[in-house]
């Protein structure tokens, strides 16, 4: 499996600025349904 570098110029600017300013968790939790899913997954992990 070869690593393919991503050409940064091809990515949309808003995506780049978002990913630089936020963690993945923050990007996910901007959406309420994602927050719910994250909470649910945490509960499942705790229960095991």
N, C-alpha and C. Protein backbone atom coordinates (compact mmCIF):
# COMPACT_ATOMS: atom_id res chain seq x y z
N UNK A 1 0.84 -1.19 0.00
CA UNK A 1 0.00 0.00 0.00
C UNK A 1 0.88 1.25 0.00
N UNK A 2 0.69 2.09 -0.99
CA UNK A 2 1.51 3.29 -1.09
C UNK A 2 0.79 4.49 -0.50
N UNK A 3 1.56 5.36 0.11
CA UNK A 3 1.00 6.59 0.64
C UNK A 3 0.93 7.63 -0.48
N UNK A 4 -0.26 8.19 -0.68
CA UNK A 4 -0.42 9.21 -1.71
C UNK A 4 -0.59 10.57 -1.04
N UNK A 5 0.33 11.48 -1.27
CA UNK A 5 0.19 12.81 -0.68
C UNK A 5 -1.03 13.53 -1.25
N UNK A 6 -1.71 14.26 -0.40
CA UNK A 6 -2.88 15.01 -0.86
C UNK A 6 -2.42 16.40 -1.29
N UNK A 7 -2.89 16.80 -2.45
CA UNK A 7 -2.58 18.15 -2.91
C UNK A 7 -3.49 19.13 -2.18
N UNK A 8 -2.91 19.90 -1.28
CA UNK A 8 -3.68 20.81 -0.43
C UNK A 8 -4.46 21.83 -1.26
N UNK A 9 -3.90 22.23 -2.39
CA UNK A 9 -4.55 23.24 -3.23
C UNK A 9 -5.88 22.75 -3.80
N UNK A 10 -6.06 21.44 -3.86
CA UNK A 10 -7.30 20.90 -4.42
C UNK A 10 -8.43 20.84 -3.40
N UNK A 11 -8.08 20.95 -2.12
CA UNK A 11 -9.10 20.88 -1.08
C UNK A 11 -9.82 22.22 -0.94
N UNK A 12 -11.11 22.17 -0.62
CA UNK A 12 -11.83 23.44 -0.42
C UNK A 12 -11.27 24.19 0.79
N UNK A 13 -11.19 25.49 0.68
CA UNK A 13 -10.57 26.31 1.73
C UNK A 13 -11.29 26.21 3.07
N UNK A 14 -12.61 26.16 3.03
CA UNK A 14 -13.35 26.10 4.29
C UNK A 14 -13.06 24.81 5.05
N UNK A 15 -12.85 23.73 4.31
CA UNK A 15 -12.53 22.45 4.93
C UNK A 15 -11.16 22.53 5.61
N UNK A 16 -10.21 23.14 4.92
CA UNK A 16 -8.87 23.29 5.46
C UNK A 16 -8.87 24.12 6.74
N UNK A 17 -9.52 25.27 6.70
CA UNK A 17 -9.52 26.14 7.87
C UNK A 17 -10.25 25.48 9.04
N UNK A 18 -11.32 24.74 8.72
CA UNK A 18 -12.04 24.03 9.77
C UNK A 18 -11.16 22.99 10.44
N UNK A 19 -10.48 22.19 9.64
CA UNK A 19 -9.70 21.10 10.20
C UNK A 19 -8.48 21.62 10.95
N UNK A 20 -8.01 22.80 10.60
CA UNK A 20 -6.88 23.37 11.32
C UNK A 20 -7.31 23.94 12.67
N UNK A 21 -8.54 24.41 12.74
CA UNK A 21 -8.99 25.10 13.95
C UNK A 21 -9.72 24.20 14.94
N UNK A 22 -10.14 23.03 14.49
CA UNK A 22 -10.96 22.19 15.35
C UNK A 22 -10.40 20.77 15.43
N UNK A 23 -10.66 20.14 16.53
CA UNK A 23 -10.34 18.72 16.62
C UNK A 23 -11.44 17.94 15.94
N UNK A 24 -11.19 16.67 15.68
CA UNK A 24 -12.21 15.83 15.04
C UNK A 24 -13.47 15.79 15.89
N UNK A 25 -13.29 15.72 17.20
CA UNK A 25 -14.45 15.68 18.09
C UNK A 25 -15.31 16.93 17.93
N UNK A 26 -14.67 18.08 17.85
CA UNK A 26 -15.40 19.33 17.68
C UNK A 26 -16.11 19.37 16.33
N UNK A 27 -15.44 18.86 15.31
CA UNK A 27 -16.06 18.83 13.98
C UNK A 27 -17.30 17.95 14.00
N UNK A 28 -17.20 16.83 14.73
CA UNK A 28 -18.35 15.93 14.80
C UNK A 28 -19.47 16.52 15.63
N UNK A 29 -19.12 17.15 16.73
CA UNK A 29 -20.15 17.57 17.68
C UNK A 29 -20.85 18.87 17.30
N UNK A 30 -20.50 19.44 16.16
CA UNK A 30 -21.25 20.62 15.70
C UNK A 30 -22.68 20.23 15.37
N UNK A 31 -22.89 18.95 15.11
CA UNK A 31 -24.21 18.46 14.75
C UNK A 31 -24.81 17.74 15.96
N UNK A 32 -26.05 18.08 16.32
CA UNK A 32 -26.67 17.50 17.52
C UNK A 32 -26.80 15.98 17.43
N UNK A 33 -27.11 15.49 16.25
CA UNK A 33 -27.25 14.04 16.11
C UNK A 33 -25.91 13.35 16.32
N UNK A 34 -24.83 14.00 15.90
CA UNK A 34 -23.50 13.45 16.14
C UNK A 34 -23.20 13.43 17.63
N UNK A 35 -23.61 14.48 18.35
CA UNK A 35 -23.41 14.52 19.79
C UNK A 35 -24.09 13.33 20.45
N UNK A 36 -25.32 13.07 20.02
CA UNK A 36 -26.07 11.96 20.58
C UNK A 36 -25.34 10.64 20.33
N UNK A 37 -24.87 10.45 19.10
CA UNK A 37 -24.17 9.22 18.74
C UNK A 37 -22.90 9.06 19.58
N UNK A 38 -22.15 10.15 19.74
CA UNK A 38 -20.92 10.11 20.53
C UNK A 38 -21.22 9.72 21.98
N UNK A 39 -22.26 10.32 22.56
CA UNK A 39 -22.65 9.98 23.93
C UNK A 39 -23.03 8.52 24.03
N UNK A 40 -23.79 8.05 23.07
CA UNK A 40 -24.25 6.67 23.06
C UNK A 40 -23.06 5.70 22.98
N UNK A 41 -22.11 6.02 22.12
CA UNK A 41 -20.92 5.18 21.97
C UNK A 41 -20.13 5.16 23.28
N UNK A 42 -20.00 6.32 23.93
CA UNK A 42 -19.27 6.38 25.20
C UNK A 42 -19.94 5.49 26.25
N UNK A 43 -21.27 5.52 26.30
CA UNK A 43 -22.00 4.68 27.26
C UNK A 43 -21.73 3.21 26.99
N UNK A 44 -21.76 2.83 25.73
CA UNK A 44 -21.52 1.44 25.35
C UNK A 44 -20.11 1.02 25.78
N UNK A 45 -19.13 1.90 25.54
CA UNK A 45 -17.75 1.59 25.91
C UNK A 45 -17.62 1.44 27.42
N UNK A 46 -18.29 2.31 28.18
CA UNK A 46 -18.23 2.26 29.64
C UNK A 46 -18.85 0.97 30.17
N UNK A 47 -19.95 0.56 29.56
CA UNK A 47 -20.66 -0.63 30.03
C UNK A 47 -19.87 -1.92 29.82
N UNK A 48 -18.96 -1.92 28.87
CA UNK A 48 -18.24 -3.17 28.57
C UNK A 48 -17.12 -3.44 29.54
